[in-house]
């Protein structure tokens, strides 16, 4: 399955002096998302083309969230939106 993310819009709280964390978190979220998609397909789901999807707004408080937890939350939101789109 090919997945192209044209726009990933994050609402990040208190990122002052923590900007260096944002790119690694986004990259980790993409990796987690890819792993979940692979697991979903391995479980027997048929790949299907979709034109676009929108994930719900997600706020990440950089002072209270680890990089792994932030990446996991982002991946969860994206995977949930993807599953909802595939079901319609």
Protein backbone atom coordinates (compact mmCIF):
# COMPACT_ATOMS: atom_id res chain seq x y z
CA UNK A 1 0.00 0.00 0.00
CA UNK A 2 1.37 3.40 -0.96
CA UNK A 3 0.53 6.24 1.37
CA UNK A 4 1.34 9.83 0.61
CA UNK A 5 0.94 12.38 3.39
CA UNK A 6 0.60 15.77 1.75
CA UNK A 7 -0.09 17.70 4.92
CA UNK A 8 0.39 16.78 8.55
CA UNK A 9 -0.96 19.55 10.72
CA UNK A 10 -0.04 19.32 14.40
CA UNK A 11 -1.16 21.57 17.23
CA UNK A 12 1.82 21.56 19.57
CA UNK A 13 1.56 23.15 23.00
CA UNK A 14 4.59 24.69 24.72
CA UNK A 15 7.10 23.78 22.03
CA UNK A 16 9.36 26.70 22.88
CA UNK A 17 12.93 25.41 23.02
CA UNK A 18 11.68 21.94 22.04
CA UNK A 19 11.44 22.39 18.28
CA UNK A 20 14.22 19.81 17.80
CA UNK A 21 11.80 17.11 19.00
CA UNK A 22 9.11 17.75 16.39
CA UNK A 23 10.69 16.20 13.29
CA UNK A 24 11.81 12.97 15.06
CA UNK A 25 8.32 12.63 16.57
CA UNK A 26 6.66 13.05 13.16
CA UNK A 27 9.05 10.54 11.57
CA UNK A 28 8.44 8.03 14.37
CA UNK A 29 4.68 8.52 14.00
CA UNK A 30 4.97 7.72 10.28
CA UNK A 31 6.95 4.58 11.09
CA UNK A 32 4.37 3.45 13.65
CA UNK A 33 1.58 4.17 11.18
CA UNK A 34 3.30 2.10 8.49
CA UNK A 35 3.71 -0.79 10.95
CA UNK A 36 0.02 -0.67 11.86
CA UNK A 37 -1.02 -0.60 8.21
CA UNK A 38 1.20 -3.61 7.50
CA UNK A 39 -0.32 -5.50 10.45
CA UNK A 40 -3.81 -4.58 9.26
CA UNK A 41 -3.08 -5.89 5.77
CA UNK A 42 -1.39 -9.02 7.16
CA UNK A 43 -4.56 -9.73 9.13
CA UNK A 44 -6.43 -10.06 5.84
CA UNK A 45 -7.63 -6.55 5.08
CA UNK A 46 -7.74 -5.84 1.38
CA UNK A 47 -5.75 -2.80 0.21
CA UNK A 48 -7.96 -0.12 -1.24
CA UNK A 49 -7.31 3.23 -2.87
CA UNK A 50 -8.57 6.33 -1.09
CA UNK A 51 -8.38 9.85 -2.38
CA UNK A 52 -7.93 11.78 0.86
CA UNK A 53 -8.58 11.60 4.55
CA UNK A 54 -8.69 13.99 7.46
CA UNK A 55 -7.67 13.03 10.98
CA UNK A 56 -9.24 14.76 13.95
CA UNK A 57 -7.37 17.55 15.69
CA UNK A 58 -4.77 16.33 18.14
CA UNK A 59 -2.99 18.47 20.69
CA UNK A 60 0.38 17.37 22.05
CA UNK A 61 1.77 19.05 25.17
CA UNK A 62 5.53 18.81 24.69
CA UNK A 63 6.17 19.47 28.39
CA UNK A 64 4.08 16.51 29.52
CA UNK A 65 4.49 13.99 26.71
CA UNK A 66 7.45 11.82 25.82
CA UNK A 67 8.55 11.61 22.20
CA UNK A 68 7.33 8.00 21.96
CA UNK A 69 3.94 8.80 23.50
CA UNK A 70 3.51 11.79 21.19
CA UNK A 71 4.42 9.70 18.12
CA UNK A 72 2.06 6.94 19.23
CA UNK A 73 -0.81 9.41 19.71
CA UNK A 74 -0.25 10.88 16.25
CA UNK A 75 -0.07 7.42 14.66
CA UNK A 76 -3.26 6.39 16.50
CA UNK A 77 -5.16 9.41 15.18
CA UNK A 78 -3.96 8.82 11.63
CA UNK A 79 -4.64 5.07 11.71
CA UNK A 80 -8.13 5.58 13.12
CA UNK A 81 -8.91 8.13 10.40
CA UNK A 82 -7.56 5.74 7.77
CA UNK A 83 -9.70 2.86 9.05
CA UNK A 84 -12.79 5.06 9.08
CA UNK A 85 -12.09 6.12 5.51
CA UNK A 86 -11.59 2.51 4.40
CA UNK A 87 -14.90 1.49 5.95
CA UNK A 88 -16.90 4.06 3.99
